[in-house]
Amino acid sequence: MFALSNLIIALAKVLDIVLTVYMWIIVARALISWINPDPGNKIVIFLYRVTEPVLGPIRRIIPRHNLPIDFAPLIVLLVIIFLQSFLVQTIIQWAQEF
């Protein structure tokens, strides 16, 4: 049973790393939105392709009311922090109880 417990803990840690990397990708996307990036740049294209499937639906749900600030990245960052604090930690504690 200890092998299954270690496997679950390892998967939870990998999930934590993936969420952290995605969090930094969201931060990078927010930072480049402050400047006028070249839309043909491969990094800009990558950031838009990776983040838009998550940010787009949030933008449609939350009305902007002509505000100059996009709150979608902030909401995604808060969700990621919640998932890291709650979901990952719950999985690790659950696996340790085996």
N, C-alpha and C. Protein backbone atom coordinates (compact mmCIF):
# COMPACT_ATOMS: atom_id res chain seq x y z
N MET A 1 0.80 -1.19 0.00
CA MET A 1 0.00 0.00 0.00
C MET A 1 0.85 1.27 0.00
N PHE A 2 2.06 1.18 0.54
CA PHE A 2 2.93 2.35 0.59
C PHE A 2 3.31 2.82 -0.82
N ALA A 3 3.39 1.89 -1.76
CA ALA A 3 3.74 2.29 -3.14
C ALA A 3 2.62 3.13 -3.75
N LEU A 4 1.38 2.75 -3.52
CA LEU A 4 0.25 3.53 -4.02
C LEU A 4 0.22 4.90 -3.36
N SER A 5 0.49 4.94 -2.08
CA SER A 5 0.53 6.21 -1.35
C SER A 5 1.61 7.13 -1.93
N ASN A 6 2.79 6.60 -2.16
CA ASN A 6 3.87 7.40 -2.75
C ASN A 6 3.53 7.86 -4.16
N LEU A 7 2.86 7.01 -4.93
CA LEU A 7 2.44 7.39 -6.29
C LEU A 7 1.47 8.57 -6.25
N ILE A 8 0.50 8.50 -5.35
CA ILE A 8 -0.49 9.57 -5.25
C ILE A 8 0.17 10.87 -4.79
N ILE A 9 1.10 10.78 -3.84
CA ILE A 9 1.82 11.97 -3.38
C ILE A 9 2.65 12.56 -4.52
N ALA A 10 3.30 11.71 -5.29
CA ALA A 10 4.10 12.19 -6.42
C ALA A 10 3.22 12.88 -7.46
N LEU A 11 2.05 12.31 -7.73
CA LEU A 11 1.13 12.94 -8.69
C LEU A 11 0.64 14.28 -8.17
N ALA A 12 0.40 14.37 -6.87
CA ALA A 12 -0.02 15.64 -6.28
C ALA A 12 1.08 16.69 -6.40
N LYS A 13 2.32 16.28 -6.22
CA LYS A 13 3.43 17.23 -6.35
C LYS A 13 3.62 17.67 -7.80
N VAL A 14 3.41 16.76 -8.74
CA VAL A 14 3.49 17.12 -10.16
C VAL A 14 2.37 18.11 -10.50
N LEU A 15 1.17 17.86 -9.98
CA LEU A 15 0.06 18.79 -10.18
C LEU A 15 0.39 20.16 -9.61
N ASP A 16 1.03 20.20 -8.46
CA ASP A 16 1.44 21.46 -7.84
C ASP A 16 2.43 22.20 -8.74
N ILE A 17 3.37 21.49 -9.32
CA ILE A 17 4.36 22.11 -10.21
C ILE A 17 3.68 22.63 -11.48
N VAL A 18 2.78 21.86 -12.04
CA VAL A 18 2.06 22.28 -13.25
C VAL A 18 1.25 23.55 -12.97
N LEU A 19 0.59 23.59 -11.82
CA LEU A 19 -0.17 24.78 -11.47
C LEU A 19 0.73 25.99 -11.26
N THR A 20 1.90 25.78 -10.67
CA THR A 20 2.85 26.88 -10.47
C THR A 20 3.35 27.41 -11.81
N VAL A 21 3.69 26.52 -12.72
CA VAL A 21 4.16 26.94 -14.05
C VAL A 21 3.06 27.72 -14.77
N TYR A 22 1.82 27.21 -14.70
CA TYR A 22 0.72 27.91 -15.37
C TYR A 22 0.47 29.27 -14.73
N MET A 23 0.67 29.37 -13.42
CA MET A 23 0.52 30.64 -12.73
C MET A 23 1.51 31.66 -13.29
N TRP A 24 2.75 31.25 -13.50
CA TRP A 24 3.76 32.16 -14.04
C TRP A 24 3.48 32.51 -15.50
N ILE A 25 2.88 31.59 -16.23
CA ILE A 25 2.49 31.89 -17.62
C ILE A 25 1.39 32.95 -17.63
N ILE A 26 0.45 32.85 -16.69
CA ILE A 26 -0.60 33.86 -16.58
C ILE A 26 0.00 35.21 -16.22
N VAL A 27 0.97 35.22 -15.29
CA VAL A 27 1.63 36.47 -14.90
C VAL A 27 2.35 37.07 -16.12
N ALA A 28 3.04 36.25 -16.89
CA ALA A 28 3.74 36.74 -18.08
C ALA A 28 2.74 37.32 -19.08
N ARG A 29 1.63 36.66 -19.25
CA ARG A 29 0.58 37.17 -20.17
C ARG A 29 0.06 38.51 -19.68
N ALA A 30 -0.15 38.65 -18.38
CA ALA A 30 -0.63 39.93 -17.85
C ALA A 30 0.42 41.03 -18.05
N LEU A 31 1.67 40.69 -17.86
CA LEU A 31 2.73 41.69 -18.01
C LEU A 31 2.87 42.16 -19.46
N ILE A 32 2.76 41.23 -20.41
CA ILE A 32 2.90 41.67 -21.81
C ILE A 32 1.67 42.44 -22.28
N SER A 33 0.56 42.34 -21.55
CA SER A 33 -0.62 43.11 -21.95
C SER A 33 -0.43 44.60 -21.63
N TRP A 34 0.54 44.93 -20.81
CA TRP A 34 0.80 46.33 -20.47
C TRP A 34 1.56 47.05 -21.57
N ILE A 35 2.21 46.30 -22.43
CA ILE A 35 2.95 46.89 -23.53
C ILE A 35 2.25 46.50 -24.83
N ASN A 36 2.76 46.97 -25.92
CA ASN A 36 2.19 46.61 -27.22
C ASN A 36 3.11 45.57 -27.86
N PRO A 37 2.90 44.28 -27.55
CA PRO A 37 3.82 43.27 -28.08
C PRO A 37 3.59 43.01 -29.56
N ASP A 38 4.63 42.52 -30.19
CA ASP A 38 4.54 42.13 -31.59
C ASP A 38 3.68 40.87 -31.68
N PRO A 39 2.52 40.91 -32.35
CA PRO A 39 1.65 39.74 -32.41
C PRO A 39 2.26 38.56 -33.17
N GLY A 40 3.32 38.80 -33.91
CA GLY A 40 3.98 37.71 -34.63
C GLY A 40 5.07 37.03 -33.85
N ASN A 41 5.40 37.56 -32.68
CA ASN A 41 6.44 36.97 -31.84
C ASN A 41 5.98 35.60 -31.34
N LYS A 42 6.85 34.62 -31.42
CA LYS A 42 6.48 33.25 -31.04
C LYS A 42 6.15 33.12 -29.55
N ILE A 43 6.81 33.90 -28.72
CA ILE A 43 6.51 33.84 -27.28
C ILE A 43 5.12 34.42 -27.01
N VAL A 44 4.80 35.51 -27.68
CA VAL A 44 3.48 36.13 -27.52
C VAL A 44 2.40 35.18 -28.02
N ILE A 45 2.63 34.55 -29.15
CA ILE A 45 1.67 33.59 -29.69
C ILE A 45 1.47 32.44 -28.72
N PHE A 46 2.57 31.92 -28.16
CA PHE A 46 2.49 30.82 -27.19
C PHE A 46 1.67 31.24 -25.96
N LEU A 47 1.98 32.43 -25.42
CA LEU A 47 1.27 32.89 -24.22
C LEU A 47 -0.22 33.06 -24.49
N TYR A 48 -0.57 33.58 -25.64
CA TYR A 48 -1.99 33.75 -25.97
C TYR A 48 -2.68 32.40 -26.16
N ARG A 49 -2.03 31.48 -26.85
CA ARG A 49 -2.65 30.16 -27.10
C ARG A 49 -2.83 29.35 -25.81
N VAL A 50 -1.91 29.49 -24.88
CA VAL A 50 -1.97 28.70 -23.65
C VAL A 50 -2.94 29.30 -22.64
N THR A 51 -3.07 30.62 -22.64
CA THR A 51 -3.89 31.25 -21.60
C THR A 51 -5.30 31.61 -22.05
N GLU A 52 -5.51 31.83 -23.31
CA GLU A 52 -6.82 32.29 -23.77
C GLU A 52 -7.95 31.28 -23.51
N PRO A 53 -7.71 29.95 -23.60
CA PRO A 53 -8.81 29.02 -23.28
C PRO A 53 -9.30 29.15 -21.83
N VAL A 54 -8.48 29.65 -20.93
CA VAL A 54 -8.90 29.83 -19.54
C VAL A 54 -9.39 31.25 -19.31
N LEU A 55 -8.69 32.24 -19.86
CA LEU A 55 -9.06 33.63 -19.62
C LEU A 55 -10.31 34.04 -20.40
N GLY A 56 -10.49 33.51 -21.57
CA GLY A 56 -11.64 33.89 -22.41
C GLY A 56 -12.99 33.65 -21.75
N PRO A 57 -13.26 32.45 -21.25
CA PRO A 57 -14.55 32.22 -20.58
C PRO A 57 -14.77 33.10 -19.35
N ILE A 58 -13.69 33.38 -18.62
CA ILE A 58 -13.82 34.24 -17.44
C ILE A 58 -14.17 35.66 -17.87
N ARG A 59 -13.59 36.12 -18.95
CA ARG A 59 -13.91 37.46 -19.46
C ARG A 59 -15.37 37.56 -19.90
N ARG A 60 -15.91 36.46 -20.44
CA ARG A 60 -17.31 36.48 -20.85
C ARG A 60 -18.25 36.47 -19.65
N ILE A 61 -17.83 35.85 -18.55
CA ILE A 61 -18.68 35.78 -17.35
C ILE A 61 -18.67 37.10 -16.59
N ILE A 62 -17.49 37.70 -16.45
CA ILE A 62 -17.35 38.92 -15.66
C ILE A 62 -17.48 40.13 -16.58
N PRO A 63 -18.47 40.96 -16.32
CA PRO A 63 -18.60 42.17 -17.15
C PRO A 63 -17.52 43.20 -16.79
N ARG A 64 -16.98 43.86 -17.80
CA ARG A 64 -15.91 44.84 -17.57
C ARG A 64 -16.47 46.23 -17.33
N HIS A 65 -17.62 46.56 -17.86
CA HIS A 65 -18.23 47.88 -17.70
C HIS A 65 -17.25 48.99 -18.05
N ASN A 66 -16.56 48.83 -19.15
CA ASN A 66 -15.61 49.82 -19.66
C ASN A 66 -14.48 50.14 -18.69
N LEU A 67 -14.11 49.19 -17.87
CA LEU A 67 -12.96 49.37 -16.98
C LEU A 67 -11.67 49.11 -17.74
N PRO A 68 -10.63 49.85 -17.46
CA PRO A 68 -9.36 49.63 -18.18
C PRO A 68 -8.58 48.43 -17.65
N ILE A 69 -9.05 47.82 -16.58
CA ILE A 69 -8.32 46.72 -15.95
C ILE A 69 -9.02 45.40 -16.26
N ASP A 70 -8.24 44.42 -16.68
CA ASP A 70 -8.75 43.07 -16.93
C ASP A 70 -8.54 42.24 -15.67
N PHE A 71 -9.63 41.85 -15.03
CA PHE A 71 -9.54 41.09 -13.78
C PHE A 71 -9.46 39.58 -14.00
N ALA A 72 -9.57 39.12 -15.24
CA ALA A 72 -9.53 37.68 -15.51
C ALA A 72 -8.23 37.02 -15.05
N PRO A 73 -7.04 37.60 -15.31
CA PRO A 73 -5.82 36.97 -14.82
C PRO A 73 -5.78 36.88 -13.30
N LEU A 74 -6.28 37.90 -12.62
CA LEU A 74 -6.30 37.88 -11.16
C LEU A 74 -7.20 36.76 -10.65
N ILE A 75 -8.34 36.57 -11.28
CA ILE A 75 -9.25 35.51 -10.86
C ILE A 75 -8.62 34.14 -11.09
N VAL A 76 -7.96 33.97 -12.24
CA VAL A 76 -7.29 32.69 -12.52
C VAL A 76 -6.17 32.43 -11.50
N LEU A 77 -5.42 33.46 -11.16
CA LEU A 77 -4.36 33.30 -10.16
C LEU A 77 -4.94 32.91 -8.80
N LEU A 78 -6.05 33.51 -8.42
CA LEU A 78 -6.69 33.14 -7.16
C LEU A 78 -7.19 31.70 -7.18
N VAL A 79 -7.73 31.26 -8.30
CA VAL A 79 -8.18 29.87 -8.43
C VAL A 79 -7.00 28.91 -8.34
N ILE A 80 -5.90 29.25 -8.98
CA ILE A 80 -4.70 28.40 -8.92
C ILE A 80 -4.19 28.31 -7.49
N ILE A 81 -4.14 29.43 -6.79
CA ILE A 81 -3.68 29.42 -5.40
C ILE A 81 -4.62 28.57 -4.54
N PHE A 82 -5.92 28.68 -4.78
CA PHE A 82 -6.88 27.85 -4.05
C PHE A 82 -6.65 26.37 -4.33
N LEU A 83 -6.45 26.03 -5.60
CA LEU A 83 -6.22 24.62 -5.95
C LEU A 83 -4.94 24.09 -5.31
N GLN A 84 -3.91 24.91 -5.27
CA GLN A 84 -2.66 24.49 -4.64
C GLN A 84 -2.84 24.32 -3.13
N SER A 85 -3.56 25.22 -2.51
CA SER A 85 -3.72 25.17 -1.06
C SER A 85 -4.72 24.10 -0.63
N PHE A 86 -5.76 23.92 -1.38
CA PHE A 86 -6.80 22.98 -0.98
C PHE A 86 -6.65 21.61 -1.64
N LEU A 87 -6.71 21.59 -2.96
CA LEU A 87 -6.75 20.31 -3.67
C LEU A 87 -5.46 19.51 -3.51
N VAL A 88 -4.33 20.15 -3.77
CA VAL A 88 -3.05 19.43 -3.70
C VAL A 88 -2.78 18.95 -2.28
N GLN A 89 -3.01 19.83 -1.31
CA GLN A 89 -2.76 19.45 0.07
C GLN A 89 -3.72 18.36 0.54
N THR A 90 -4.96 18.40 0.09
CA THR A 90 -5.93 17.36 0.43
C THR A 90 -5.51 16.01 -0.15
N ILE A 91 -5.05 16.01 -1.38
CA ILE A 91 -4.58 14.76 -2.00
C ILE A 91 -3.39 14.20 -1.25
N ILE A 92 -2.46 15.06 -0.87
CA ILE A 92 -1.27 14.59 -0.14
C ILE A 92 -1.67 14.03 1.22
N GLN A 93 -2.53 14.73 1.94
CA GLN A 93 -2.95 14.23 3.27
C GLN A 93 -3.76 12.94 3.14
N TRP A 94 -4.57 12.85 2.10
CA TRP A 94 -5.35 11.62 1.88
C TRP A 94 -4.41 10.44 1.59
N ALA A 95 -3.39 10.68 0.79
CA ALA A 95 -2.44 9.61 0.46
C ALA A 95 -1.63 9.19 1.68
N GLN A 96 -1.34 10.11 2.57
CA GLN A 96 -0.57 9.78 3.77
C GLN A 96 -1.37 8.94 4.75
N GLU A 97 -2.69 8.94 4.64
CA GLU A 97 -3.52 8.14 5.53
C GLU A 97 -3.59 6.68 5.14
N PHE A 98 -3.07 6.33 3.96
CA PHE A 98 -3.08 4.93 3.55
C PHE A 98 -2.26 4.11 4.49
